[in-house]
Amino acid sequence: MMPLTAQEDGVRYLLIDRKLSFEAHHVFDLRHLGRLSVDFLIFFGHGIVLECTACSTKRGRALSEVRRRSAFIDYRFGLL
């Protein structure tokens, strides 16, 4: 298992504080589509998936980087 990033560690503490049951770095087996790893799977209702990301790019490229990351996360969640 990979160690949590600083951002993921902060989310972990928040989930623990809220007394939510979760699994960090959960892997979904999507059979023919492969395996999909997510940062957090929260066992609440049908389940909630959290993905942590950050953008350190500044100025002109920042918005395009955020759009790229958002599109990729949207694609991944669409697979689920």
PDB file of N, CA and C in Angstrom:
ATOM      1  N   MET A   1       0.849  -1.185   0.000  1.00  0.00           N
ATOM      2  CA  MET A   1       0.000   0.000   0.000  1.00  0.00           C
ATOM      3  C   MET A   1       0.889   1.239   0.000  1.00  0.00           C
ATOM      4  N   MET A   2       0.520   2.181  -0.826  1.00  0.00           N
ATOM      5  CA  MET A   2       1.280   3.425  -0.914  1.00  0.00           C
ATOM      6  C   MET A   2       0.982   4.305   0.293  1.00  0.00           C
ATOM      7  N   PRO A   3       1.980   5.052   0.745  1.00  0.00           N
ATOM      8  CA  PRO A   3       1.715   5.973   1.864  1.00  0.00           C
ATOM      9  C   PRO A   3       0.795   7.109   1.410  1.00  0.00           C
ATOM     10  N   LEU A   4       0.056   7.648   2.348  1.00  0.00           N
ATOM     11  CA  LEU A   4      -0.849   8.752   2.041  1.00  0.00           C
ATOM     12  C   LEU A   4      -0.069  10.045   1.856  1.00  0.00           C
ATOM     13  N   THR A   5      -0.535  10.874   0.935  1.00  0.00           N
ATOM     14  CA  THR A   5       0.055  12.200   0.765  1.00  0.00           C
ATOM     15  C   THR A   5      -0.404  13.074   1.931  1.00  0.00           C
ATOM     16  N   ALA A   6       0.155  14.253   2.057  1.00  0.00           N
ATOM     17  CA  ALA A   6      -0.251  15.176   3.123  1.00  0.00           C
ATOM     18  C   ALA A   6      -1.731  15.525   2.997  1.00  0.00           C
ATOM     19  N   GLN A   7      -2.193  15.735   1.781  1.00  0.00           N
ATOM     20  CA  GLN A   7      -3.603  16.059   1.550  1.00  0.00           C
ATOM     21  C   GLN A   7      -4.492  14.879   1.939  1.00  0.00           C
ATOM     22  N   GLU A   8      -4.116  13.672   1.520  1.00  0.00           N
ATOM     23  CA  GLU A   8      -4.887  12.482   1.853  1.00  0.00           C
ATOM     24  C   GLU A   8      -4.894  12.230   3.360  1.00  0.00           C
ATOM     25  N   ASP A   9      -3.771  12.499   4.006  1.00  0.00           N
ATOM     26  CA  ASP A   9      -3.689  12.319   5.451  1.00  0.00           C
ATOM     27  C   ASP A   9      -4.658  13.271   6.168  1.00  0.00           C
ATOM     28  N   GLY A  10      -4.774  14.494   5.676  1.00  0.00           N
ATOM     29  CA  GLY A  10      -5.730  15.440   6.246  1.00  0.00           C
ATOM     30  C   GLY A  10      -7.170  14.964   6.082  1.00  0.00           C
ATOM     31  N   VAL A  11      -7.486  14.412   4.913  1.00  0.00           N
ATOM     32  CA  VAL A  11      -8.824  13.871   4.672  1.00  0.00           C
ATOM     33  C   VAL A  11      -9.069  12.682   5.592  1.00  0.00           C
ATOM     34  N   ARG A  12      -8.056  11.847   5.763  1.00  0.00           N
ATOM     35  CA  ARG A  12      -8.165  10.684   6.651  1.00  0.00           C
ATOM     36  C   ARG A  12      -8.531  11.113   8.073  1.00  0.00           C
ATOM     37  N   TYR A  13      -7.835  12.113   8.583  1.00  0.00           N
ATOM     38  CA  TYR A  13      -8.136  12.610   9.932  1.00  0.00           C
ATOM     39  C   TYR A  13      -9.556  13.175  10.016  1.00  0.00           C
ATOM     40  N   LEU A  14     -10.006  13.842   8.969  1.00  0.00           N
ATOM     41  CA  LEU A  14     -11.368  14.377   8.931  1.00  0.00           C
ATOM     42  C   LEU A  14     -12.398  13.250   8.973  1.00  0.00           C
ATOM     43  N   LEU A  15     -12.159  12.196   8.196  1.00  0.00           N
ATOM     44  CA  LEU A  15     -13.084  11.061   8.173  1.00  0.00           C
ATOM     45  C   LEU A  15     -13.118  10.352   9.524  1.00  0.00           C
ATOM     46  N   ILE A  16     -11.958  10.216  10.152  1.00  0.00           N
ATOM     47  CA  ILE A  16     -11.892   9.597  11.480  1.00  0.00           C
ATOM     48  C   ILE A  16     -12.637  10.465  12.490  1.00  0.00           C
ATOM     49  N   ASP A  17     -12.429  11.772  12.416  1.00  0.00           N
ATOM     50  CA  ASP A  17     -13.091  12.704  13.324  1.00  0.00           C
ATOM     51  C   ASP A  17     -14.611  12.627  13.195  1.00  0.00           C
ATOM     52  N   ARG A  18     -15.092  12.407  11.986  1.00  0.00           N
ATOM     53  CA  ARG A  18     -16.531  12.308  11.725  1.00  0.00           C
ATOM     54  C   ARG A  18     -17.064  10.897  11.990  1.00  0.00           C
ATOM     55  N   LYS A  19     -16.158  10.004  12.403  1.00  0.00           N
ATOM     56  CA  LYS A  19     -16.514   8.606  12.723  1.00  0.00           C
ATOM     57  C   LYS A  19     -17.128   7.876  11.536  1.00  0.00           C
ATOM     58  N   LEU A  20     -16.568   8.118  10.346  1.00  0.00           N
ATOM     59  CA  LEU A  20     -17.023   7.447   9.134  1.00  0.00           C
ATOM     60  C   LEU A  20     -16.140   6.241   8.853  1.00  0.00           C
ATOM     61  N   SER A  21     -16.753   5.155   8.435  1.00  0.00           N
ATOM     62  CA  SER A  21     -16.016   3.956   8.063  1.00  0.00           C
ATOM     63  C   SER A  21     -15.527   4.123   6.622  1.00  0.00           C
ATOM     64  N   PHE A  22     -14.246   3.879   6.389  1.00  0.00           N
ATOM     65  CA  PHE A  22     -13.675   4.100   5.058  1.00  0.00           C
ATOM     66  C   PHE A  22     -12.489   3.177   4.821  1.00  0.00           C
ATOM     67  N   GLU A  23     -12.092   3.123   3.565  1.00  0.00           N
ATOM     68  CA  GLU A  23     -10.878   2.412   3.176  1.00  0.00           C
ATOM     69  C   GLU A  23     -10.061   3.342   2.288  1.00  0.00           C
ATOM     70  N   ALA A  24      -8.814   3.543   2.663  1.00  0.00           N
ATOM     71  CA  ALA A  24      -7.913   4.375   1.855  1.00  0.00           C
ATOM     72  C   ALA A  24      -7.310   3.526   0.741  1.00  0.00           C
ATOM     73  N   HIS A  25      -7.111   4.130  -0.416  1.00  0.00           N
ATOM     74  CA  HIS A  25      -6.523   3.490  -1.593  1.00  0.00           C
ATOM     75  C   HIS A  25      -7.241   2.192  -1.959  1.00  0.00           C
ATOM     76  N   HIS A  26      -8.543   2.301  -2.055  1.00  0.00           N
ATOM     77  CA  HIS A  26      -9.358   1.140  -2.445  1.00  0.00           C
ATOM     78  C   HIS A  26      -9.195   0.886  -3.940  1.00  0.00           C
ATOM     79  N   VAL A  27      -9.169  -0.384  -4.331  1.00  0.00           N
ATOM     80  CA  VAL A  27      -9.038  -0.768  -5.738  1.00  0.00           C
ATOM     81  C   VAL A  27     -10.304  -1.492  -6.174  1.00  0.00           C
ATOM     82  N   PHE A  28     -10.942  -0.966  -7.200  1.00  0.00           N
ATOM     83  CA  PHE A  28     -12.104  -1.612  -7.806  1.00  0.00           C
ATOM     84  C   PHE A  28     -11.620  -2.489  -8.955  1.00  0.00           C
ATOM     85  N   ASP A  29     -12.109  -3.704  -9.030  1.00  0.00           N
ATOM     86  CA  ASP A  29     -11.806  -4.585 -10.154  1.00  0.00           C
ATOM     87  C   ASP A  29     -12.950  -4.455 -11.152  1.00  0.00           C
ATOM     88  N   LEU A  30     -12.682  -3.811 -12.276  1.00  0.00           N
ATOM     89  CA  LEU A  30     -13.708  -3.556 -13.291  1.00  0.00           C
ATOM     90  C   LEU A  30     -13.666  -4.581 -14.413  1.00  0.00           C
ATOM     91  N   ARG A  31     -13.146  -5.745 -14.117  1.00  0.00           N
ATOM     92  CA  ARG A  31     -13.037  -6.873 -15.043  1.00  0.00           C
ATOM     93  C   ARG A  31     -12.352  -6.488 -16.343  1.00  0.00           C
ATOM     94  N   HIS A  32     -13.080  -6.434 -17.433  1.00  0.00           N
ATOM     95  CA  HIS A  32     -12.465  -6.194 -18.739  1.00  0.00           C
ATOM     96  C   HIS A  32     -11.891  -4.777 -18.871  1.00  0.00           C
ATOM     97  N   LEU A  33     -12.289  -3.848 -18.022  1.00  0.00           N
ATOM     98  CA  LEU A  33     -11.762  -2.482 -18.080  1.00  0.00           C
ATOM     99  C   LEU A  33     -10.500  -2.316 -17.240  1.00  0.00           C
ATOM    100  N   GLY A  34     -10.182  -3.320 -16.430  1.00  0.00           N
ATOM    101  CA  GLY A  34      -8.985  -3.252 -15.596  1.00  0.00           C
ATOM    102  C   GLY A  34      -9.313  -2.910 -14.159  1.00  0.00           C
ATOM    103  N   ARG A  35      -8.312  -2.430 -13.462  1.00  0.00           N
ATOM    104  CA  ARG A  35      -8.467  -2.078 -12.046  1.00  0.00           C
ATOM    105  C   ARG A  35      -8.397  -0.564 -11.901  1.00  0.00           C
ATOM    106  N   LEU A  36      -9.203  -0.031 -10.998  1.00  0.00           N
ATOM    107  CA  LEU A  36      -9.264   1.409 -10.787  1.00  0.00           C
ATOM    108  C   LEU A  36      -9.052   1.703  -9.306  1.00  0.00           C
ATOM    109  N   SER A  37      -8.007   2.428  -9.001  1.00  0.00           N
ATOM    110  CA  SER A  37      -7.691   2.782  -7.629  1.00  0.00           C
ATOM    111  C   SER A  37      -8.242   4.171  -7.321  1.00  0.00           C
ATOM    112  N   VAL A  38      -8.864   4.301  -6.151  1.00  0.00           N
ATOM    113  CA  VAL A  38      -9.371   5.594  -5.692  1.00  0.00           C
ATOM    114  C   VAL A  38      -8.740   5.903  -4.341  1.00  0.00           C
ATOM    115  N   ASP A  39      -8.691   7.170  -3.986  1.00  0.00           N
ATOM    116  CA  ASP A  39      -8.056   7.555  -2.729  1.00  0.00           C
ATOM    117  C   ASP A  39      -8.836   7.073  -1.514  1.00  0.00           C
ATOM    118  N   PHE A  40     -10.157   7.257  -1.519  1.00  0.00           N
ATOM    119  CA  PHE A  40     -10.971   6.841  -0.381  1.00  0.00           C
ATOM    120  C   PHE A  40     -12.302   6.279  -0.847  1.00  0.00           C
ATOM    121  N   LEU A  41     -12.702   5.184  -0.232  1.00  0.00           N
ATOM    122  CA  LEU A  41     -14.046   4.649  -0.381  1.00  0.00           C
ATOM    123  C   LEU A  41     -14.683   4.746   0.994  1.00  0.00           C
ATOM    124  N   ILE A  42     -15.768   5.528   1.089  1.00  0.00           N
ATOM    125  CA  ILE A  42     -16.471   5.724   2.352  1.00  0.00           C
ATOM    126  C   ILE A  42     -17.699   4.832   2.348  1.00  0.00           C
ATOM    127  N   PHE A  43     -17.826   4.012   3.366  1.00  0.00           N
ATOM    128  CA  PHE A  43     -18.941   3.074   3.470  1.00  0.00           C
ATOM    129  C   PHE A  43     -20.132   3.779   4.111  1.00  0.00           C
ATOM    130  N   PHE A  44     -20.880   4.488   3.265  1.00  0.00           N
ATOM    131  CA  PHE A  44     -22.048   5.250   3.689  1.00  0.00           C
ATOM    132  C   PHE A  44     -23.080   5.124   2.578  1.00  0.00           C
ATOM    133  N   GLY A  45     -24.239   4.558   2.880  1.00  0.00           N
ATOM    134  CA  GLY A  45     -25.237   4.347   1.837  1.00  0.00           C
ATOM    135  C   GLY A  45     -24.696   3.377   0.801  1.00  0.00           C
ATOM    136  N   HIS A  46     -24.779   3.768  -0.464  1.00  0.00           N
ATOM    137  CA  HIS A  46     -24.240   2.946  -1.544  1.00  0.00           C
ATOM    138  C   HIS A  46     -22.729   3.091  -1.673  1.00  0.00           C
ATOM    139  N   GLY A  47     -22.148   3.988  -0.905  1.00  0.00           N
ATOM    140  CA  GLY A  47     -20.711   4.232  -0.960  1.00  0.00           C
ATOM    141  C   GLY A  47     -20.406   5.566  -1.595  1.00  0.00           C
ATOM    142  N   ILE A  48     -19.374   6.188  -1.090  1.00  0.00           N
ATOM    143  CA  ILE A  48     -18.920   7.481  -1.606  1.00  0.00           C
ATOM    144  C   ILE A  48     -17.441   7.346  -1.923  1.00  0.00           C
ATOM    145  N   VAL A  49     -17.040   7.835  -3.084  1.00  0.00           N
ATOM    146  CA  VAL A  49     -15.638   7.802  -3.481  1.00  0.00           C
ATOM    147  C   VAL A  49     -15.080   9.218  -3.427  1.00  0.00           C
ATOM    148  N   LEU A  50     -13.921   9.361  -2.789  1.00  0.00           N
ATOM    149  CA  LEU A  50     -13.218  10.644  -2.759  1.00  0.00           C
ATOM    150  C   LEU A  50     -11.889  10.500  -3.480  1.00  0.00           C
ATOM    151  N   GLU A  51     -11.587  11.449  -4.308  1.00  0.00           N
ATOM    152  CA  GLU A  51     -10.308  11.491  -5.012  1.00  0.00           C
ATOM    153  C   GLU A  51      -9.645  12.821  -4.678  1.00  0.00           C
ATOM    154  N   CYS A  52      -8.431  12.783  -4.187  1.00  0.00           N
ATOM    155  CA  CYS A  52      -7.704  13.992  -3.812  1.00  0.00           C
ATOM    156  C   CYS A  52      -6.774  14.406  -4.948  1.00  0.00           C
ATOM    157  N   THR A  53      -6.758  15.682  -5.252  1.00  0.00           N
ATOM    158  CA  THR A  53      -5.844  16.197  -6.265  1.00  0.00           C
ATOM    159  C   THR A  53      -5.518  17.647  -5.941  1.00  0.00           C
ATOM    160  N   ALA A  54      -4.411  18.095  -6.446  1.00  0.00           N
ATOM    161  CA  ALA A  54      -3.997  19.484  -6.244  1.00  0.00           C
ATOM    162  C   ALA A  54      -3.333  19.973  -7.519  1.00  0.00           C
ATOM    163  N   CYS A  55      -3.412  21.250  -7.737  1.00  0.00           N
ATOM    164  CA  CYS A  55      -2.780  21.855  -8.910  1.00  0.00           C
ATOM    165  C   CYS A  55      -1.835  22.947  -8.426  1.00  0.00           C
ATOM    166  N   SER A  56      -0.559  22.782  -8.715  1.00  0.00           N
ATOM    167  CA  SER A  56       0.423  23.775  -8.287  1.00  0.00           C
ATOM    168  C   SER A  56       0.828  24.715  -9.426  1.00  0.00           C
ATOM    169  N   THR A  57       0.266  24.481 -10.611  1.00  0.00           N
ATOM    170  CA  THR A  57       0.562  25.332 -11.755  1.00  0.00           C
ATOM    171  C   THR A  57      -0.032  26.717 -11.516  1.00  0.00           C
ATOM    172  N   LYS A  58       0.713  27.735 -11.891  1.00  0.00           N
ATOM    173  CA  LYS A  58       0.253  29.100 -11.675  1.00  0.00           C
ATOM    174  C   LYS A  58       0.008  29.804 -13.015  1.00  0.00           C
ATOM    175  N   ARG A  59      -0.758  30.835 -12.939  1.00  0.00           N
ATOM    176  CA  ARG A  59      -1.050  31.738 -14.055  1.00  0.00           C
ATOM    177  C   ARG A  59      -1.793  31.069 -15.198  1.00  0.00           C
ATOM    178  N   GLY A  60      -1.361  31.270 -16.430  1.00  0.00           N
ATOM    179  CA  GLY A  60      -2.105  30.888 -17.626  1.00  0.00           C
ATOM    180  C   GLY A  60      -2.420  29.415 -17.751  1.00  0.00           C
ATOM    181  N   ARG A  61      -1.508  28.551 -17.356  1.00  0.00           N
ATOM    182  CA  ARG A  61      -1.724  27.116 -17.529  1.00  0.00           C
ATOM    183  C   ARG A  61      -2.582  26.515 -16.427  1.00  0.00           C
ATOM    184  N   ALA A  62      -2.792  27.215 -15.347  1.00  0.00           N
ATOM    185  CA  ALA A  62      -3.498  26.645 -14.191  1.00  0.00           C
ATOM    186  C   ALA A  62      -4.910  26.187 -14.562  1.00  0.00           C
ATOM    187  N   LEU A  63      -5.654  27.023 -15.254  1.00  0.00           N
ATOM    188  CA  LEU A  63      -7.026  26.673 -15.592  1.00  0.00           C
ATOM    189  C   LEU A  63      -7.075  25.466 -16.525  1.00  0.00           C
ATOM    190  N   SER A  64      -6.180  25.393 -17.497  1.00  0.00           N
ATOM    191  CA  SER A  64      -6.173  24.237 -18.395  1.00  0.00           C
ATOM    192  C   SER A  64      -5.774  22.969 -17.644  1.00  0.00           C
ATOM    193  N   GLU A  65      -4.889  23.084 -16.661  1.00  0.00           N
ATOM    194  CA  GLU A  65      -4.507  21.927 -15.844  1.00  0.00           C
ATOM    195  C   GLU A  65      -5.685  21.453 -14.997  1.00  0.00           C
ATOM    196  N   VAL A  66      -6.424  22.368 -14.412  1.00  0.00           N
ATOM    197  CA  VAL A  66      -7.603  22.007 -13.618  1.00  0.00           C
ATOM    198  C   VAL A  66      -8.649  21.340 -14.513  1.00  0.00           C
ATOM    199  N   ARG A  67      -8.850  21.864 -15.719  1.00  0.00           N
ATOM    200  CA  ARG A  67      -9.799  21.255 -16.658  1.00  0.00           C
ATOM    201  C   ARG A  67      -9.367  19.840 -17.031  1.00  0.00           C
ATOM    202  N   ARG A  68      -8.084  19.651 -17.293  1.00  0.00           N
ATOM    203  CA  ARG A  68      -7.563  18.335 -17.664  1.00  0.00           C
ATOM    204  C   ARG A  68      -7.776  17.342 -16.536  1.00  0.00           C
ATOM    205  N   ARG A  69      -7.434  17.750 -15.320  1.00  0.00           N
ATOM    206  CA  ARG A  69      -7.606  16.855 -14.167  1.00  0.00           C
ATOM    207  C   ARG A  69      -9.072  16.546 -13.916  1.00  0.00           C
ATOM    208  N   SER A  70      -9.928  17.545 -14.054  1.00  0.00           N
ATOM    209  CA  SER A  70     -11.367  17.344 -13.848  1.00  0.00           C
ATOM    210  C   SER A  70     -11.932  16.368 -14.875  1.00  0.00           C
ATOM    211  N   ALA A  71     -11.509  16.502 -16.126  1.00  0.00           N
ATOM    212  CA  ALA A  71     -11.983  15.602 -17.170  1.00  0.00           C
ATOM    213  C   ALA A  71     -11.520  14.173 -16.900  1.00  0.00           C
ATOM    214  N   PHE A  72     -10.293  14.003 -16.436  1.00  0.00           N
ATOM    215  CA  PHE A  72      -9.777  12.677 -16.139  1.00  0.00           C
ATOM    216  C   PHE A  72     -10.523  12.051 -14.965  1.00  0.00           C
ATOM    217  N   ILE A  73     -10.781  12.829 -13.919  1.00  0.00           N
ATOM    218  CA  ILE A  73     -11.522  12.311 -12.757  1.00  0.00           C
ATOM    219  C   ILE A  73     -12.946  11.970 -13.172  1.00  0.00           C
ATOM    220  N   ASP A  74     -13.564  12.816 -14.001  1.00  0.00           N
ATOM    221  CA  ASP A  74     -14.917  12.541 -14.494  1.00  0.00           C
ATOM    222  C   ASP A  74     -14.937  11.240 -15.300  1.00  0.00           C
ATOM    223  N   TYR A  75     -13.932  11.024 -16.124  1.00  0.00           N
ATOM    224  CA  TYR A  75     -13.832   9.786 -16.906  1.00  0.00           C
ATOM    225  C   TYR A  75     -13.711   8.577 -15.984  1.00  0.00           C
ATOM    226  N   ARG A  76     -12.838   8.668 -14.993  1.00  0.00           N
ATOM    227  CA  ARG A  76     -12.640   7.554 -14.057  1.00  0.00           C
ATOM    228  C   ARG A  76     -13.919   7.239 -13.283  1.00  0.00           C
ATOM    229  N   PHE A  77     -14.609   8.272 -12.793  1.00  0.00           N
ATOM    230  CA  PHE A  77     -15.843   8.040 -12.044  1.00  0.00           C
ATOM    231  C   PHE A  77     -16.937   7.509 -12.961  1.00  0.00           C
ATOM    232  N   GLY A  78     -16.894   7.868 -14.230  1.00  0.00           N
ATOM    233  CA  GLY A  78     -17.843   7.317 -15.195  1.00  0.00           C
ATOM    234  C   GLY A  78     -17.665   5.819 -15.361  1.00  0.00           C
ATOM    235  N   LEU A  79     -16.441   5.327 -15.206  1.00  0.00           N
ATOM    236  CA  LEU A  79     -16.194   3.892 -15.303  1.00  0.00           C
ATOM    237  C   LEU A  79     -16.833   3.129 -14.148  1.00  0.00           C
ATOM    238  N   LEU A  80     -16.900   3.795 -12.994  1.00  0.00           N
ATOM    239  CA  LEU A  80     -17.489   3.126 -11.833  1.00  0.00           C
ATOM    240  C   LEU A  80     -18.986   3.002 -12.002  1.00  0.00           C
TER     241      LEU A  80
END
